[in-house]
C-alpha atoms as a PDB file:
ATOM      1  CA  UNK A   1     -67.947 -54.926  25.527  1.00  0.00           C
ATOM      2  CA  UNK A   2     -65.760 -57.238  23.462  1.00  0.00           C
ATOM      3  CA  UNK A   3     -68.152 -60.113  23.956  1.00  0.00           C
ATOM      4  CA  UNK A   4     -71.046 -57.854  22.985  1.00  0.00           C
ATOM      5  CA  UNK A   5     -69.357 -56.708  19.773  1.00  0.00           C
ATOM      6  CA  UNK A   6     -67.930 -60.039  18.592  1.00  0.00           C
ATOM      7  CA  UNK A   7     -70.079 -62.750  20.202  1.00  0.00           C
ATOM      8  CA  UNK A   8     -70.129 -65.585  20.160  1.00  0.00           C
ATOM      9  CA  UNK A   9     -66.401 -65.721  20.887  1.00  0.00           C
ATOM     10  CA  UNK A  10     -64.019 -68.087  22.627  1.00  0.00           C
ATOM     11  CA  UNK A  11     -61.716 -66.977  25.427  1.00  0.00           C
ATOM     12  CA  UNK A  12     -58.513 -67.437  23.414  1.00  0.00           C
ATOM     13  CA  UNK A  13     -59.782 -65.297  20.531  1.00  0.00           C
ATOM     14  CA  UNK A  14     -61.119 -62.670  22.934  1.00  0.00           C
ATOM     15  CA  UNK A  15     -57.772 -62.558  24.741  1.00  0.00           C
ATOM     16  CA  UNK A  16     -55.907 -62.239  21.432  1.00  0.00           C
ATOM     17  CA  UNK A  17     -58.114 -59.361  20.318  1.00  0.00           C
ATOM     18  CA  UNK A  18     -57.697 -57.620  23.681  1.00  0.00           C
ATOM     19  CA  UNK A  19     -53.962 -58.228  23.794  1.00  0.00           C
ATOM     20  CA  UNK A  20     -54.246 -59.989  27.143  1.00  0.00           C
ATOM     21  CA  UNK A  21     -53.218 -63.339  28.539  1.00  0.00           C
ATOM     22  CA  UNK A  22     -55.947 -65.939  28.042  1.00  0.00           C
ATOM     23  CA  UNK A  23     -55.858 -67.017  31.702  1.00  0.00           C
ATOM     24  CA  UNK A  24     -56.663 -63.463  32.794  1.00  0.00           C
ATOM     25  CA  UNK A  25     -59.491 -63.181  30.273  1.00  0.00           C
ATOM     26  CA  UNK A  26     -60.755 -66.627  31.262  1.00  0.00           C
ATOM     27  CA  UNK A  27     -61.118 -65.509  34.896  1.00  0.00           C
ATOM     28  CA  UNK A  28     -62.946 -62.347  33.811  1.00  0.00           C
ATOM     29  CA  UNK A  29     -65.286 -64.305  31.542  1.00  0.00           C
ATOM     30  CA  UNK A  30     -65.994 -66.757  34.366  1.00  0.00           C
ATOM     31  CA  UNK A  31     -66.898 -63.831  36.637  1.00  0.00           C
ATOM     32  CA  UNK A  32     -69.260 -62.393  33.987  1.00  0.00           C
ATOM     33  CA  UNK A  33     -70.953 -65.801  33.742  1.00  0.00           C
ATOM     34  CA  UNK A  34     -71.191 -66.015  37.540  1.00  0.00           C
ATOM     35  CA  UNK A  35     -72.862 -62.579  37.562  1.00  0.00           C
ATOM     36  CA  UNK A  36     -75.416 -63.768  34.994  1.00  0.00           C
ATOM     37  CA  UNK A  37     -74.261 -61.363  32.271  1.00  0.00           C
ATOM     38  CA  UNK A  38     -73.056 -63.912  29.721  1.00  0.00           C
ATOM     39  CA  UNK A  39     -73.682 -67.510  28.777  1.00  0.00           C
ATOM     40  CA  UNK A  40     -70.960 -70.059  28.009  1.00  0.00           C
ATOM     41  CA  UNK A  41     -71.757 -72.710  25.428  1.00  0.00           C
ATOM     42  CA  UNK A  42     -69.853 -75.162  23.230  1.00  0.00           C
ATOM     43  CA  UNK A  43     -68.890 -73.776  19.825  1.00  0.00           C
ATOM     44  CA  UNK A  44     -70.898 -75.098  16.895  1.00  0.00           C
ATOM     45  CA  UNK A  45     -67.654 -75.298  14.896  1.00  0.00           C
ATOM     46  CA  UNK A  46     -65.387 -76.843  17.544  1.00  0.00           C
ATOM     47  CA  UNK A  47     -66.972 -78.527  20.568  1.00  0.00           C
ATOM     48  CA  UNK A  48     -63.683 -78.192  22.498  1.00  0.00           C
ATOM     49  CA  UNK A  49     -64.121 -74.407  22.494  1.00  0.00           C
ATOM     50  CA  UNK A  50     -66.574 -72.748  24.878  1.00  0.00           C
ATOM     51  CA  UNK A  51     -67.933 -69.502  23.478  1.00  0.00           C
ATOM     52  CA  UNK A  52     -69.138 -66.517  25.460  1.00  0.00           C
ATOM     53  CA  UNK A  53     -72.401 -64.895  24.476  1.00  0.00           C
ATOM     54  CA  UNK A  54     -74.114 -61.883  26.039  1.00  0.00           C
ATOM     55  CA  UNK A  55     -77.530 -62.601  27.571  1.00  0.00           C
ATOM     56  CA  UNK A  56     -80.376 -60.224  28.423  1.00  0.00           C
ATOM     57  CA  UNK A  57     -78.977 -59.001  31.750  1.00  0.00           C
ATOM     58  CA  UNK A  58     -75.630 -58.351  30.067  1.00  0.00           C
ATOM     59  CA  UNK A  59     -77.387 -56.336  27.349  1.00  0.00           C
ATOM     60  CA  UNK A  60     -79.040 -54.227  30.047  1.00  0.00           C
ATOM     61  CA  UNK A  61     -75.625 -53.487  31.581  1.00  0.00           C
ATOM     62  CA  UNK A  62     -74.191 -52.565  28.157  1.00  0.00           C
ATOM     63  CA  UNK A  63     -77.176 -50.279  27.508  1.00  0.00           C
ATOM     64  CA  UNK A  64     -76.674 -48.587  30.908  1.00  0.00           C
ATOM     65  CA  UNK A  65     -72.975 -48.021  30.168  1.00  0.00           C
ATOM     66  CA  UNK A  66     -73.795 -46.578  26.738  1.00  0.00           C
ATOM     67  CA  UNK A  67     -76.411 -44.273  28.272  1.00  0.00           C
ATOM     68  CA  UNK A  68     -73.955 -43.065  30.926  1.00  0.00           C
ATOM     69  CA  UNK A  69     -71.345 -42.338  28.246  1.00  0.00           C
ATOM     70  CA  UNK A  70     -73.934 -40.355  26.338  1.00  0.00           C
ATOM     71  CA  UNK A  71     -74.881 -38.319  29.403  1.00  0.00           C
ATOM     72  CA  UNK A  72     -71.211 -37.517  30.057  1.00  0.00           C
ATOM     73  CA  UNK A  73     -70.289 -36.671  26.480  1.00  0.00           C
ATOM     74  CA  UNK A  74     -73.388 -34.860  25.224  1.00  0.00           C
ATOM     75  CA  UNK A  75     -72.966 -31.609  27.200  1.00  0.00           C
ATOM     76  CA  UNK A  76     -69.375 -31.301  26.010  1.00  0.00           C
ATOM     77  CA  UNK A  77     -69.771 -32.353  22.402  1.00  0.00           C
ATOM     78  CA  UNK A  78     -72.886 -30.296  21.720  1.00  0.00           C
ATOM     79  CA  UNK A  79     -70.731 -27.191  22.212  1.00  0.00           C
ATOM     80  CA  UNK A  80     -68.181 -28.310  19.607  1.00  0.00           C
ATOM     81  CA  UNK A  81     -68.332 -27.148  15.998  1.00  0.00           C
ATOM     82  CA  UNK A  82     -68.966 -29.551  13.139  1.00  0.00           C
ATOM     83  CA  UNK A  83     -65.324 -29.116  12.153  1.00  0.00           C
ATOM     84  CA  UNK A  84     -64.178 -30.092  15.670  1.00  0.00           C
ATOM     85  CA  UNK A  85     -66.438 -33.152  15.628  1.00  0.00           C
ATOM     86  CA  UNK A  86     -65.062 -34.247  12.251  1.00  0.00           C
ATOM     87  CA  UNK A  87     -61.522 -33.826  13.589  1.00  0.00           C
ATOM     88  CA  UNK A  88     -62.394 -35.884  16.674  1.00  0.00           C
ATOM     89  CA  UNK A  89     -63.813 -38.589  14.420  1.00  0.00           C
ATOM     90  CA  UNK A  90     -60.662 -38.557  12.261  1.00  0.00           C
ATOM     91  CA  UNK A  91     -58.366 -38.798  15.272  1.00  0.00           C
ATOM     92  CA  UNK A  92     -60.420 -41.539  16.943  1.00  0.00           C
ATOM     93  CA  UNK A  93     -60.308 -43.578  13.729  1.00  0.00           C
ATOM     94  CA  UNK A  94     -56.540 -43.058  13.573  1.00  0.00           C
ATOM     95  CA  UNK A  95     -56.238 -44.150  17.201  1.00  0.00           C
ATOM     96  CA  UNK A  96     -58.196 -47.344  16.566  1.00  0.00           C
ATOM     97  CA  UNK A  97     -56.251 -48.083  13.378  1.00  0.00           C
ATOM     98  CA  UNK A  98     -52.962 -47.620  15.237  1.00  0.00           C
ATOM     99  CA  UNK A  99     -54.134 -49.898  18.059  1.00  0.00           C
ATOM    100  CA  UNK A 100     -55.170 -52.561  15.569  1.00  0.00           C
ATOM    101  CA  UNK A 101     -51.821 -52.249  13.814  1.00  0.00           C
ATOM    102  CA  UNK A 102     -49.953 -52.511  17.108  1.00  0.00           C
ATOM    103  CA  UNK A 103     -51.969 -55.565  18.100  1.00  0.00           C
ATOM    104  CA  UNK A 104     -51.351 -57.214  14.713  1.00  0.00           C
ATOM    105  CA  UNK A 105     -47.608 -56.483  14.961  1.00  0.00           C
ATOM    106  CA  UNK A 106     -47.494 -57.964  18.459  1.00  0.00           C
ATOM    107  CA  UNK A 107     -49.359 -61.070  17.307  1.00  0.00           C
ATOM    108  CA  UNK A 108     -47.000 -61.494  14.343  1.00  0.00           C
ATOM    109  CA  UNK A 109     -44.017 -61.220  16.683  1.00  0.00           C
ATOM    110  CA  UNK A 110     -45.555 -63.791  19.020  1.00  0.00           C
ATOM    111  CA  UNK A 111     -46.126 -66.174  16.100  1.00  0.00           C
ATOM    112  CA  UNK A 112     -42.422 -66.098  15.235  1.00  0.00           C
END
């Protein structure tokens, strides 16, 4: 999903954004390439960096995941009031903001 949302992206940047060790992310990216879901190519900005980019088969997998999420969530959420849905949206945004803040704080601590 991270590659889909941010691509093209290098392993180090992807690992930083995910808050994971780059060697772990590198192995996962290699597996995605082996499965034919992403392509690895040299960065246009820095030829030393290999970027990951989603290809057609990877897009099909992402679409299938999104569809499955929709099928799981729709029966539940269609019973919720507009007020409940707005509250869910507010809390999800807060969650993401807090995660981003935590990640930024961790990165700042690592940089020291």
